Amino acid sequence: MELFTYFRSSAAYRVRLALNLKGIEHRLTPVNLLTGEQLGEAYRRLNPQGLLPALKLDSGALLTQSSAILEYLETVYPQTPLLPADPVAAAQVRAWANLIACDIHPLDNLRVLKYLKGSLNISDEDKTAWYLHWIREGFDVLEKQLVAAPFCHGAEVTLADLYLIPQVYNALRFKLDMSAYPKILSIWEACNQLDAFDAARPEKQPDSTL
């Protein structure tokens, strides 16, 4: 498999984690979001939406959108399951993942921040305030709901952890005061003790120096 990725892309980070946890052989192809490479003709031929990640299968089929890619991997590679067997528990894990994927991440996505700064001409200070506001909105809820013993849903890593860890990375990068979120921080620390999470860290990616 070939994963088209960018080291700080939250959505690509999720997929890197899943591939690592499931032990799926793959190679990484960096696409530089800061230079707009994702909007270039070469990448647009692969993914007309011009977003990351994209996963090219051995068959040549191309999957896009991280949630669809993760569902595919969970179906085809059931080893190291990322959803609980109990349907109610699985729905709760999906709800936490969706809270991050739908209620935090889209509002803080790079293209949104570029629009705020470039087209609406807001200041860097206001852009950062916007960014941190939406993380707090989500984290305030997650802190109350997550099990955190030691992971989002208890003893086993689930899909929720794959969504949470990239979001915590972003929060720390933007210097969010995490003192109100001890449960989330404990999950961050527990996950990053695992080799699969450590290897997926943005700073350990081949394009991290670009």
N, C-alpha and C. Protein backbone atom coordinates (compact mmCIF):
# COMPACT_ATOMS: atom_id res chain seq x y z
N MET A 1 0.83 -1.19 0.00
CA MET A 1 0.00 0.00 0.00
C MET A 1 0.87 1.25 0.00
N GLU A 2 0.30 2.32 -0.52
CA GLU A 2 0.99 3.61 -0.55
C GLU A 2 0.09 4.66 0.09
N LEU A 3 0.58 5.28 1.16
CA LEU A 3 -0.18 6.32 1.84
C LEU A 3 0.38 7.68 1.47
N PHE A 4 -0.47 8.50 0.87
CA PHE A 4 -0.11 9.89 0.58
C PHE A 4 -0.40 10.69 1.84
N THR A 5 0.64 11.32 2.37
CA THR A 5 0.57 11.86 3.73
C THR A 5 1.30 13.18 3.82
N TYR A 6 1.07 13.89 4.90
CA TYR A 6 1.85 15.07 5.29
C TYR A 6 2.06 14.94 6.79
N PHE A 7 3.24 15.23 7.26
CA PHE A 7 3.59 14.87 8.63
C PHE A 7 2.69 15.51 9.68
N ARG A 8 2.16 16.70 9.42
CA ARG A 8 1.29 17.36 10.40
C ARG A 8 -0.19 17.26 10.06
N SER A 9 -0.55 16.50 9.04
CA SER A 9 -1.96 16.30 8.72
C SER A 9 -2.59 15.39 9.77
N SER A 10 -3.60 15.89 10.48
CA SER A 10 -4.27 15.07 11.49
C SER A 10 -4.92 13.84 10.88
N ALA A 11 -5.54 14.02 9.73
CA ALA A 11 -6.24 12.90 9.09
C ALA A 11 -5.26 11.83 8.63
N ALA A 12 -4.11 12.25 8.09
CA ALA A 12 -3.10 11.28 7.69
C ALA A 12 -2.49 10.59 8.91
N TYR A 13 -2.32 11.33 9.98
CA TYR A 13 -1.80 10.80 11.24
C TYR A 13 -2.68 9.64 11.70
N ARG A 14 -4.00 9.79 11.65
CA ARG A 14 -4.92 8.72 12.05
C ARG A 14 -4.66 7.44 11.26
N VAL A 15 -4.49 7.61 9.96
CA VAL A 15 -4.30 6.43 9.10
C VAL A 15 -2.94 5.80 9.35
N ARG A 16 -1.91 6.61 9.56
CA ARG A 16 -0.60 6.05 9.91
C ARG A 16 -0.71 5.18 11.15
N LEU A 17 -1.46 5.67 12.13
CA LEU A 17 -1.64 4.91 13.37
C LEU A 17 -2.31 3.57 13.11
N ALA A 18 -3.36 3.58 12.31
CA ALA A 18 -4.08 2.32 12.03
C ALA A 18 -3.18 1.33 11.29
N LEU A 19 -2.46 1.80 10.31
CA LEU A 19 -1.57 0.92 9.55
C LEU A 19 -0.50 0.32 10.48
N ASN A 20 0.03 1.13 11.37
CA ASN A 20 1.04 0.64 12.31
C ASN A 20 0.46 -0.37 13.28
N LEU A 21 -0.68 -0.05 13.87
CA LEU A 21 -1.29 -0.92 14.86
C LEU A 21 -1.67 -2.27 14.28
N LYS A 22 -2.13 -2.27 13.04
CA LYS A 22 -2.55 -3.51 12.39
C LYS A 22 -1.39 -4.24 11.70
N GLY A 23 -0.22 -3.63 11.74
CA GLY A 23 0.94 -4.28 11.15
C GLY A 23 0.85 -4.45 9.65
N ILE A 24 0.26 -3.47 8.97
CA ILE A 24 0.08 -3.54 7.52
C ILE A 24 1.27 -2.90 6.82
N GLU A 25 1.89 -3.64 5.94
CA GLU A 25 3.04 -3.12 5.21
C GLU A 25 2.60 -1.99 4.29
N HIS A 26 3.33 -0.90 4.30
CA HIS A 26 2.97 0.25 3.48
C HIS A 26 4.18 1.15 3.30
N ARG A 27 4.08 2.05 2.34
CA ARG A 27 5.11 3.07 2.16
C ARG A 27 4.43 4.43 2.20
N LEU A 28 5.20 5.42 2.60
CA LEU A 28 4.69 6.77 2.75
C LEU A 28 5.17 7.65 1.59
N THR A 29 4.24 8.39 1.00
CA THR A 29 4.58 9.35 -0.04
C THR A 29 4.17 10.74 0.44
N PRO A 30 5.12 11.58 0.83
CA PRO A 30 4.77 12.91 1.34
C PRO A 30 4.17 13.81 0.27
N VAL A 31 3.18 14.60 0.68
CA VAL A 31 2.59 15.65 -0.15
C VAL A 31 2.61 16.91 0.69
N ASN A 32 3.31 17.93 0.24
CA ASN A 32 3.55 19.12 1.07
C ASN A 32 2.35 20.07 1.02
N LEU A 33 1.63 20.12 2.13
CA LEU A 33 0.45 20.99 2.20
C LEU A 33 0.82 22.47 2.22
N LEU A 34 1.95 22.79 2.82
CA LEU A 34 2.31 24.21 2.95
C LEU A 34 2.65 24.84 1.61
N THR A 35 3.20 24.05 0.70
CA THR A 35 3.54 24.59 -0.62
C THR A 35 2.39 24.42 -1.62
N GLY A 36 1.30 23.80 -1.19
CA GLY A 36 0.17 23.60 -2.08
C GLY A 36 0.32 22.44 -3.04
N GLU A 37 1.22 21.51 -2.74
CA GLU A 37 1.43 20.38 -3.64
C GLU A 37 0.16 19.57 -3.84
N GLN A 38 -0.71 19.54 -2.82
CA GLN A 38 -1.95 18.77 -2.91
C GLN A 38 -2.92 19.33 -3.95
N LEU A 39 -2.70 20.57 -4.35
CA LEU A 39 -3.56 21.22 -5.34
C LEU A 39 -2.96 21.18 -6.74
N GLY A 40 -1.78 20.59 -6.85
CA GLY A 40 -1.12 20.50 -8.14
C GLY A 40 -1.74 19.43 -9.02
N GLU A 41 -1.44 19.51 -10.30
CA GLU A 41 -2.06 18.61 -11.28
C GLU A 41 -1.74 17.15 -10.99
N ALA A 42 -0.53 16.85 -10.58
CA ALA A 42 -0.14 15.46 -10.36
C ALA A 42 -0.98 14.82 -9.26
N TYR A 43 -1.12 15.51 -8.14
CA TYR A 43 -1.90 14.91 -7.05
C TYR A 43 -3.40 14.97 -7.34
N ARG A 44 -3.86 16.02 -8.00
CA ARG A 44 -5.28 16.13 -8.33
C ARG A 44 -5.73 15.01 -9.26
N ARG A 45 -4.81 14.50 -10.05
CA ARG A 45 -5.19 13.36 -10.90
C ARG A 45 -5.52 12.14 -10.05
N LEU A 46 -4.83 12.03 -8.92
CA LEU A 46 -5.12 10.93 -7.99
C LEU A 46 -6.37 11.22 -7.17
N ASN A 47 -6.41 12.38 -6.57
CA ASN A 47 -7.51 12.76 -5.69
C ASN A 47 -8.01 14.14 -6.09
N PRO A 48 -9.07 14.20 -6.88
CA PRO A 48 -9.56 15.49 -7.39
C PRO A 48 -9.91 16.49 -6.30
N GLN A 49 -10.22 16.01 -5.08
CA GLN A 49 -10.55 16.94 -4.00
C GLN A 49 -9.31 17.67 -3.50
N GLY A 50 -8.14 17.11 -3.74
CA GLY A 50 -6.91 17.77 -3.32
C GLY A 50 -6.70 17.78 -1.82
N LEU A 51 -7.14 16.71 -1.14
CA LEU A 51 -6.98 16.62 0.31
C LEU A 51 -6.19 15.37 0.67
N LEU A 52 -5.67 15.36 1.88
CA LEU A 52 -4.98 14.19 2.42
C LEU A 52 -5.81 13.61 3.56
N PRO A 53 -5.63 12.30 3.81
CA PRO A 53 -4.74 11.37 3.12
C PRO A 53 -5.44 10.72 1.92
N ALA A 54 -4.66 9.96 1.19
CA ALA A 54 -5.19 9.04 0.18
C ALA A 54 -4.38 7.76 0.32
N LEU A 55 -5.05 6.63 0.18
CA LEU A 55 -4.39 5.33 0.33
C LEU A 55 -4.58 4.54 -0.95
N LYS A 56 -3.46 4.27 -1.63
CA LYS A 56 -3.51 3.46 -2.84
C LYS A 56 -3.30 2.00 -2.45
N LEU A 57 -4.26 1.15 -2.79
CA LEU A 57 -4.18 -0.26 -2.46
C LEU A 57 -3.30 -1.00 -3.45
N ASP A 58 -2.93 -2.21 -3.09
CA ASP A 58 -2.11 -3.02 -4.00
C ASP A 58 -2.81 -3.25 -5.33
N SER A 59 -4.15 -3.23 -5.31
CA SER A 59 -4.92 -3.42 -6.54
C SER A 59 -4.88 -2.20 -7.45
N GLY A 60 -4.42 -1.07 -6.92
CA GLY A 60 -4.43 0.17 -7.67
C GLY A 60 -5.59 1.07 -7.31
N ALA A 61 -6.58 0.55 -6.58
CA ALA A 61 -7.72 1.36 -6.14
C ALA A 61 -7.23 2.42 -5.16
N LEU A 62 -7.85 3.59 -5.22
CA LEU A 62 -7.47 4.69 -4.34
C LEU A 62 -8.61 5.01 -3.40
N LEU A 63 -8.31 5.03 -2.10
CA LEU A 63 -9.28 5.39 -1.07
C LEU A 63 -8.95 6.78 -0.55
N THR A 64 -9.97 7.58 -0.31
CA THR A 64 -9.79 8.92 0.25
C THR A 64 -10.70 9.07 1.46
N GLN A 65 -10.52 10.17 2.19
CA GLN A 65 -11.22 10.47 3.44
C GLN A 65 -10.81 9.49 4.53
N SER A 66 -10.21 10.01 5.59
CA SER A 66 -9.63 9.15 6.62
C SER A 66 -10.65 8.22 7.26
N SER A 67 -11.88 8.69 7.49
CA SER A 67 -12.87 7.82 8.12
C SER A 67 -13.21 6.62 7.24
N ALA A 68 -13.31 6.85 5.93
CA ALA A 68 -13.59 5.74 5.00
C ALA A 68 -12.40 4.79 4.94
N ILE A 69 -11.18 5.33 4.94
CA ILE A 69 -9.99 4.49 4.92
C ILE A 69 -9.92 3.64 6.18
N LEU A 70 -10.19 4.23 7.32
CA LEU A 70 -10.13 3.49 8.58
C LEU A 70 -11.20 2.40 8.65
N GLU A 71 -12.38 2.67 8.14
CA GLU A 71 -13.43 1.65 8.11
C GLU A 71 -13.01 0.50 7.19
N TYR A 72 -12.41 0.83 6.07
CA TYR A 72 -11.91 -0.21 5.16
C TYR A 72 -10.87 -1.09 5.85
N LEU A 73 -9.91 -0.45 6.48
CA LEU A 73 -8.86 -1.21 7.15
C LEU A 73 -9.42 -2.09 8.26
N GLU A 74 -10.40 -1.57 8.99
CA GLU A 74 -11.01 -2.34 10.07
C GLU A 74 -11.75 -3.55 9.52
N THR A 75 -12.36 -3.42 8.36
CA THR A 75 -13.12 -4.52 7.75
C THR A 75 -12.20 -5.58 7.15
N VAL A 76 -11.19 -5.13 6.43
CA VAL A 76 -10.34 -6.06 5.67
C VAL A 76 -9.22 -6.63 6.53
N TYR A 77 -8.80 -5.88 7.54
CA TYR A 77 -7.72 -6.32 8.43
C TYR A 77 -8.23 -6.32 9.87
N PRO A 78 -9.04 -7.32 10.23
CA PRO A 78 -9.68 -7.31 11.56
C PRO A 78 -8.73 -7.57 12.72
N GLN A 79 -7.49 -8.00 12.42
CA GLN A 79 -6.54 -8.17 13.51
C GLN A 79 -6.29 -6.83 14.19
N THR A 80 -6.05 -6.88 15.49
CA THR A 80 -5.94 -5.66 16.30
C THR A 80 -7.18 -4.78 16.05
N PRO A 81 -8.36 -5.25 16.45
CA PRO A 81 -9.59 -4.49 16.19
C PRO A 81 -9.57 -3.13 16.86
N LEU A 82 -10.13 -2.16 16.18
CA LEU A 82 -10.16 -0.79 16.69
C LEU A 82 -11.55 -0.38 17.15
N LEU A 83 -12.50 -1.30 17.08
CA LEU A 83 -13.84 -1.07 17.59
C LEU A 83 -14.21 -2.20 18.54
N PRO A 84 -14.85 -1.89 19.68
CA PRO A 84 -15.30 -2.94 20.58
C PRO A 84 -16.32 -3.86 19.92
N ALA A 85 -16.38 -5.09 20.38
CA ALA A 85 -17.34 -6.05 19.82
C ALA A 85 -18.77 -5.68 20.18
N ASP A 86 -18.97 -5.10 21.35
CA ASP A 86 -20.31 -4.70 21.78
C ASP A 86 -20.81 -3.53 20.95
N PRO A 87 -22.00 -3.63 20.34
CA PRO A 87 -22.48 -2.57 19.45
C PRO A 87 -22.65 -1.21 20.13
N VAL A 88 -23.09 -1.23 21.38
CA VAL A 88 -23.27 0.04 22.10
C VAL A 88 -21.91 0.69 22.35
N ALA A 89 -20.95 -0.10 22.78
CA ALA A 89 -19.60 0.42 23.01
C ALA A 89 -18.98 0.92 21.70
N ALA A 90 -19.19 0.18 20.63
CA ALA A 90 -18.67 0.60 19.32
C ALA A 90 -19.28 1.93 18.89
N ALA A 91 -20.56 2.11 19.16
CA ALA A 91 -21.23 3.37 18.82
C ALA A 91 -20.66 4.53 19.63
N GLN A 92 -20.34 4.27 20.90
CA GLN A 92 -19.76 5.32 21.73
C GLN A 92 -18.38 5.72 21.22
N VAL A 93 -17.58 4.73 20.85
CA VAL A 93 -16.24 5.02 20.30
C VAL A 93 -16.37 5.83 19.02
N ARG A 94 -17.30 5.44 18.17
CA ARG A 94 -17.51 6.20 16.93
C ARG A 94 -17.96 7.63 17.23
N ALA A 95 -18.78 7.79 18.26
CA ALA A 95 -19.27 9.13 18.61
C ALA A 95 -18.11 10.03 19.03
N TRP A 96 -17.18 9.49 19.82
CA TRP A 96 -16.01 10.29 20.22
C TRP A 96 -15.15 10.63 19.01
N ALA A 97 -14.95 9.65 18.15
CA ALA A 97 -14.17 9.90 16.94
C ALA A 97 -14.83 10.98 16.08
N ASN A 98 -16.15 10.90 15.96
CA ASN A 98 -16.87 11.87 15.14
C ASN A 98 -16.88 13.26 15.77
N LEU A 99 -16.89 13.32 17.09
CA LEU A 99 -16.82 14.63 17.75
C LEU A 99 -15.55 15.36 17.32
N ILE A 100 -14.46 14.61 17.24
CA ILE A 100 -13.20 15.21 16.81
C ILE A 100 -13.19 15.47 15.31
N ALA A 101 -13.61 14.45 14.55
CA ALA A 101 -13.53 14.54 13.08
C ALA A 101 -14.51 15.55 12.50
N CYS A 102 -15.66 15.73 13.14
CA CYS A 102 -16.71 16.58 12.57
C CYS A 102 -16.86 17.93 13.28
N ASP A 103 -16.59 17.96 14.59
CA ASP A 103 -16.87 19.17 15.36
C ASP A 103 -15.64 19.99 15.72
N ILE A 104 -14.45 19.38 15.64
CA ILE A 104 -13.22 20.14 15.92
C ILE A 104 -12.39 20.31 14.66
N HIS A 105 -11.99 19.19 14.08
CA HIS A 105 -11.00 19.21 13.00
C HIS A 105 -11.39 20.08 11.80
N PRO A 106 -12.63 19.99 11.27
CA PRO A 106 -12.94 20.80 10.08
C PRO A 106 -12.81 22.31 10.32
N LEU A 107 -13.11 22.75 11.54
CA LEU A 107 -13.04 24.17 11.84
C LEU A 107 -11.61 24.65 12.00
N ASP A 108 -10.70 23.73 12.31
CA ASP A 108 -9.30 24.09 12.52
C ASP A 108 -8.39 23.59 11.40
N ASN A 109 -8.99 23.15 10.32
CA ASN A 109 -8.22 22.62 9.20
C ASN A 109 -7.37 23.72 8.56
N LEU A 110 -6.25 23.33 7.97
CA LEU A 110 -5.33 24.30 7.38
C LEU A 110 -6.01 25.19 6.35
N ARG A 111 -6.87 24.63 5.50
CA ARG A 111 -7.48 25.46 4.46
C ARG A 111 -8.45 26.47 5.06
N VAL A 112 -9.08 26.13 6.20
CA VAL A 112 -9.94 27.08 6.89
C VAL A 112 -9.11 28.21 7.49
N LEU A 113 -8.00 27.84 8.12
CA LEU A 113 -7.13 28.86 8.71
C LEU A 113 -6.57 29.79 7.64
N LYS A 114 -6.22 29.23 6.48
CA LYS A 114 -5.72 30.07 5.39
C LYS A 114 -6.80 31.03 4.90
N TYR A 115 -8.04 30.57 4.86
CA TYR A 115 -9.15 31.43 4.43
C TYR A 115 -9.37 32.56 5.44
N LEU A 116 -9.34 32.20 6.72
CA LEU A 116 -9.52 33.21 7.76
C LEU A 116 -8.44 34.29 7.67
N LYS A 117 -7.21 33.85 7.46
CA LYS A 117 -6.08 34.77 7.44
C LYS A 117 -6.00 35.53 6.12
N GLY A 118 -6.17 34.80 5.01
CA GLY A 118 -5.98 35.42 3.70
C GLY A 118 -7.19 36.18 3.20
N SER A 119 -8.33 35.52 3.14
CA SER A 119 -9.52 36.15 2.55
C SER A 119 -10.25 37.07 3.52
N LEU A 120 -10.31 36.69 4.79
CA LEU A 120 -11.03 37.51 5.77
C LEU A 120 -10.09 38.45 6.54
N ASN A 121 -8.79 38.28 6.31
CA ASN A 121 -7.79 39.21 6.85
C ASN A 121 -7.82 39.32 8.37
N ILE A 122 -8.07 38.21 9.06
CA ILE A 122 -8.02 38.27 10.51
C ILE A 122 -6.57 38.19 10.97
N SER A 123 -6.31 38.66 12.16
CA SER A 123 -4.95 38.70 12.68
C SER A 123 -4.50 37.30 13.10
N ASP A 124 -3.19 37.14 13.24
CA ASP A 124 -2.66 35.87 13.74
C ASP A 124 -3.21 35.57 15.13
N GLU A 125 -3.34 36.59 15.94
CA GLU A 125 -3.86 36.41 17.30
C GLU A 125 -5.29 35.89 17.27
N ASP A 126 -6.13 36.48 16.41
CA ASP A 126 -7.52 36.04 16.31
C ASP A 126 -7.61 34.65 15.69
N LYS A 127 -6.72 34.36 14.75
CA LYS A 127 -6.71 33.02 14.16
C LYS A 127 -6.40 31.96 15.21
N THR A 128 -5.43 32.23 16.06
CA THR A 128 -5.09 31.29 17.13
C THR A 128 -6.23 31.17 18.13
N ALA A 129 -6.88 32.28 18.44
CA ALA A 129 -8.03 32.25 19.36
C ALA A 129 -9.14 31.38 18.80
N TRP A 130 -9.40 31.52 17.50
CA TRP A 130 -10.39 30.67 16.82
C TRP A 130 -10.00 29.20 16.97
N TYR A 131 -8.77 28.90 16.65
CA TYR A 131 -8.27 27.52 16.67
C TYR A 131 -8.47 26.91 18.05
N LEU A 132 -8.03 27.61 19.09
CA LEU A 132 -8.08 27.06 20.43
C LEU A 132 -9.51 26.97 20.96
N HIS A 133 -10.36 27.89 20.53
CA HIS A 133 -11.76 27.85 20.98
C HIS A 133 -12.42 26.53 20.61
N TRP A 134 -12.22 26.09 19.37
CA TRP A 134 -12.92 24.89 18.93
C TRP A 134 -12.31 23.62 19.53
N ILE A 135 -11.01 23.66 19.83
CA ILE A 135 -10.44 22.52 20.55
C ILE A 135 -11.03 22.45 21.96
N ARG A 136 -11.11 23.58 22.63
CA ARG A 136 -11.68 23.59 23.98
C ARG A 136 -13.13 23.10 23.98
N GLU A 137 -13.90 23.54 22.99
CA GLU A 137 -15.30 23.12 22.91
C GLU A 137 -15.40 21.59 22.89
N GLY A 138 -14.55 20.95 22.12
CA GLY A 138 -14.58 19.49 22.03
C GLY A 138 -13.97 18.81 23.24
N PHE A 139 -12.82 19.32 23.68
CA PHE A 139 -12.13 18.69 24.81
C PHE A 139 -12.93 18.79 26.10
N ASP A 140 -13.69 19.87 26.28
CA ASP A 140 -14.52 20.00 27.48
C ASP A 140 -15.51 18.83 27.60
N VAL A 141 -16.04 18.41 26.46
CA VAL A 141 -16.98 17.27 26.45
C VAL A 141 -16.24 15.95 26.60
N LEU A 142 -15.18 15.78 25.84
CA LEU A 142 -14.43 14.53 25.87
C LEU A 142 -13.87 14.24 27.26
N GLU A 143 -13.37 15.25 27.93
CA GLU A 143 -12.79 15.06 29.25
C GLU A 143 -13.80 14.43 30.22
N LYS A 144 -15.07 14.77 30.05
CA LYS A 144 -16.12 14.23 30.93
C LYS A 144 -16.52 12.81 30.53
N GLN A 145 -16.39 12.48 29.24
CA GLN A 145 -16.94 11.23 28.75
C GLN A 145 -15.94 10.08 28.66
N LEU A 146 -14.69 10.38 28.35
CA LEU A 146 -13.72 9.32 28.08
C LEU A 146 -13.45 8.48 29.33
N VAL A 147 -13.22 7.19 29.12
CA VAL A 147 -12.96 6.28 30.24
C VAL A 147 -11.55 6.49 30.76
N ALA A 148 -10.57 6.48 29.86
CA ALA A 148 -9.17 6.78 30.19
C ALA A 148 -8.56 5.82 31.20
N ALA A 149 -8.59 4.55 30.90
CA ALA A 149 -7.97 3.57 31.80
C ALA A 149 -7.34 2.42 31.03
N PRO A 150 -6.23 2.61 30.33
CA PRO A 150 -5.50 3.88 30.14
C PRO A 150 -5.86 4.61 28.86
N PHE A 151 -6.73 3.99 28.02
CA PHE A 151 -7.05 4.59 26.73
C PHE A 151 -8.48 5.14 26.74
N CYS A 152 -8.92 5.67 25.63
CA CYS A 152 -10.23 6.34 25.59
C CYS A 152 -11.37 5.48 26.10
N HIS A 153 -11.34 4.19 25.73
CA HIS A 153 -12.44 3.31 26.10
C HIS A 153 -12.01 2.22 27.08
N GLY A 154 -10.87 2.39 27.70
CA GLY A 154 -10.45 1.41 28.68
C GLY A 154 -9.12 0.78 28.35
N ALA A 155 -9.09 -0.55 28.45
CA ALA A 155 -7.81 -1.27 28.38
C ALA A 155 -7.25 -1.42 26.98
N GLU A 156 -8.09 -1.27 25.95
CA GLU A 156 -7.64 -1.50 24.58
C GLU A 156 -7.72 -0.21 23.76
N VAL A 157 -6.75 -0.04 22.88
CA VAL A 157 -6.78 1.08 21.94
C VAL A 157 -7.97 0.92 21.01
N THR A 158 -8.67 2.02 20.77
CA THR A 158 -9.80 2.00 19.84
C THR A 158 -9.65 3.15 18.84
N LEU A 159 -10.61 3.20 17.94
CA LEU A 159 -10.64 4.25 16.92
C LEU A 159 -10.60 5.64 17.56
N ALA A 160 -11.21 5.78 18.74
CA ALA A 160 -11.25 7.09 19.40
C ALA A 160 -9.84 7.59 19.71
N ASP A 161 -8.95 6.69 20.09
CA ASP A 161 -7.57 7.09 20.38
C ASP A 161 -6.86 7.58 19.13
N LEU A 162 -7.17 6.96 17.98
CA LEU A 162 -6.55 7.35 16.72
C LEU A 162 -6.96 8.76 16.30
N TYR A 163 -8.16 9.16 16.70
CA TYR A 163 -8.61 10.52 16.40
C TYR A 163 -8.12 11.51 17.46
N LEU A 164 -8.08 11.08 18.71
CA LEU A 164 -7.72 12.00 19.79
C LEU A 164 -6.25 12.40 19.75
N ILE A 165 -5.36 11.45 19.54
CA ILE A 165 -3.92 11.75 19.65
C ILE A 165 -3.48 12.84 18.68
N PRO A 166 -3.85 12.81 17.39
CA PRO A 166 -3.48 13.93 16.51
C PRO A 166 -4.04 15.27 16.97
N GLN A 167 -5.25 15.24 17.58
CA GLN A 167 -5.84 16.49 18.03
C GLN A 167 -5.10 17.04 19.25
N VAL A 168 -4.64 16.16 20.12
CA VAL A 168 -3.84 16.62 21.26
C VAL A 168 -2.50 17.18 20.76
N TYR A 169 -1.92 16.52 19.78
CA TYR A 169 -0.68 17.04 19.19
C TYR A 169 -0.89 18.48 18.71
N ASN A 170 -2.00 18.73 18.04
CA ASN A 170 -2.30 20.09 17.56
C ASN A 170 -2.49 21.06 18.71
N ALA A 171 -3.21 20.60 19.74
CA ALA A 171 -3.46 21.47 20.90
C ALA A 171 -2.15 21.88 21.56
N LEU A 172 -1.24 20.93 21.71
CA LEU A 172 0.06 21.23 22.31
C LEU A 172 0.89 22.14 21.41
N ARG A 173 0.81 21.89 20.12
CA ARG A 173 1.56 22.71 19.17
C ARG A 173 1.11 24.16 19.23
N PHE A 174 -0.19 24.38 19.44
CA PHE A 174 -0.72 25.73 19.52
C PHE A 174 -0.77 26.25 20.95
N LYS A 175 -0.09 25.51 21.86
CA LYS A 175 0.11 25.95 23.25
C LYS A 175 -1.20 26.10 24.03
N LEU A 176 -2.13 25.20 23.80
CA LEU A 176 -3.34 25.17 24.62
C LEU A 176 -2.97 24.75 26.04
N ASP A 177 -3.49 25.45 27.02
CA ASP A 177 -3.30 25.05 28.42
C ASP A 177 -4.12 23.78 28.66
N MET A 178 -3.42 22.68 28.88
CA MET A 178 -4.08 21.38 29.01
C MET A 178 -4.39 21.01 30.45
N SER A 179 -4.20 21.95 31.39
CA SER A 179 -4.39 21.62 32.80
C SER A 179 -5.83 21.22 33.12
N ALA A 180 -6.77 21.65 32.31
CA ALA A 180 -8.18 21.29 32.55
C ALA A 180 -8.52 19.91 32.01
N TYR A 181 -7.55 19.25 31.37
CA TYR A 181 -7.83 17.97 30.71
C TYR A 181 -6.88 16.86 31.15
N PRO A 182 -6.83 16.54 32.44
CA PRO A 182 -5.89 15.51 32.90
C PRO A 182 -6.18 14.13 32.31
N LYS A 183 -7.43 13.84 32.08
CA LYS A 183 -7.78 12.54 31.51
C LYS A 183 -7.25 12.42 30.08
N ILE A 184 -7.45 13.47 29.30
CA ILE A 184 -6.97 13.47 27.91
C ILE A 184 -5.44 13.39 27.88
N LEU A 185 -4.79 14.11 28.77
CA LEU A 185 -3.32 14.06 28.82
C LEU A 185 -2.82 12.67 29.20
N SER A 186 -3.53 11.99 30.10
CA SER A 186 -3.10 10.65 30.49
C SER A 186 -3.23 9.68 29.31
N ILE A 187 -4.25 9.86 28.48
CA ILE A 187 -4.41 9.03 27.28
C ILE A 187 -3.28 9.33 26.30
N TRP A 188 -2.97 10.59 26.11
CA TRP A 188 -1.85 11.00 25.24
C TRP A 188 -0.56 10.31 25.66
N GLU A 189 -0.29 10.32 26.95
CA GLU A 189 0.94 9.73 27.46
C GLU A 189 0.93 8.21 27.31
N ALA A 190 -0.20 7.57 27.60
CA ALA A 190 -0.29 6.12 27.49
C ALA A 190 -0.16 5.65 26.04
N CYS A 191 -0.81 6.34 25.14
CA CYS A 191 -0.75 5.94 23.73
C CYS A 191 0.68 6.07 23.20
N ASN A 192 1.34 7.15 23.53
CA ASN A 192 2.67 7.40 22.97
C ASN A 192 3.75 6.51 23.55
N GLN A 193 3.39 5.70 24.54
CA GLN A 193 4.30 4.66 25.01
C GLN A 193 4.33 3.46 24.07
N LEU A 194 3.31 3.35 23.21
CA LEU A 194 3.22 2.22 22.29
C LEU A 194 4.04 2.50 21.03
N ASP A 195 4.71 1.46 20.54
CA ASP A 195 5.59 1.62 19.37
C ASP A 195 4.82 2.15 18.16
N ALA A 196 3.60 1.67 17.95
CA ALA A 196 2.81 2.08 16.78
C ALA A 196 2.52 3.57 16.81
N PHE A 197 2.26 4.10 17.98
CA PHE A 197 2.00 5.54 18.11
C PHE A 197 3.29 6.34 18.01
N ASP A 198 4.33 5.84 18.63
CA ASP A 198 5.60 6.54 18.59
C ASP A 198 6.11 6.69 17.16
N ALA A 199 5.99 5.61 16.37
CA ALA A 199 6.47 5.64 14.99
C ALA A 199 5.65 6.58 14.11
N ALA A 200 4.41 6.84 14.50
CA ALA A 200 3.54 7.71 13.70
C ALA A 200 3.65 9.18 14.05
N ARG A 201 4.41 9.51 15.09
CA ARG A 201 4.54 10.91 15.51
C ARG A 201 4.96 11.80 14.32
N PRO A 202 4.41 12.98 14.23
CA PRO A 202 4.78 13.87 13.12
C PRO A 202 6.28 14.11 12.99
N GLU A 203 6.97 14.28 14.12
CA GLU A 203 8.39 14.59 14.05
C GLU A 203 9.24 13.40 13.59
N LYS A 204 8.65 12.22 13.50
CA LYS A 204 9.38 11.04 13.04
C LYS A 204 9.06 10.67 11.58
N GLN A 205 8.33 11.55 10.90
CA GLN A 205 7.98 11.28 9.51
C GLN A 205 9.08 11.76 8.56
N PRO A 206 9.18 11.13 7.38
CA PRO A 206 10.26 11.49 6.45
C PRO A 206 10.22 12.91 5.95
N ASP A 207 9.03 13.53 5.98
CA ASP A 207 8.92 14.90 5.47
C ASP A 207 8.89 15.93 6.58
N SER A 208 9.21 15.56 7.81
CA SER A 208 9.07 16.46 8.94
C SER A 208 10.03 17.64 8.91
N THR A 209 11.06 17.55 8.10
CA THR A 209 12.03 18.66 8.02
C THR A 209 11.75 19.60 6.86
N LEU A 210 10.70 19.31 6.09
CA LEU A 210 10.40 20.15 4.94
C LEU A 210 9.71 21.44 5.38
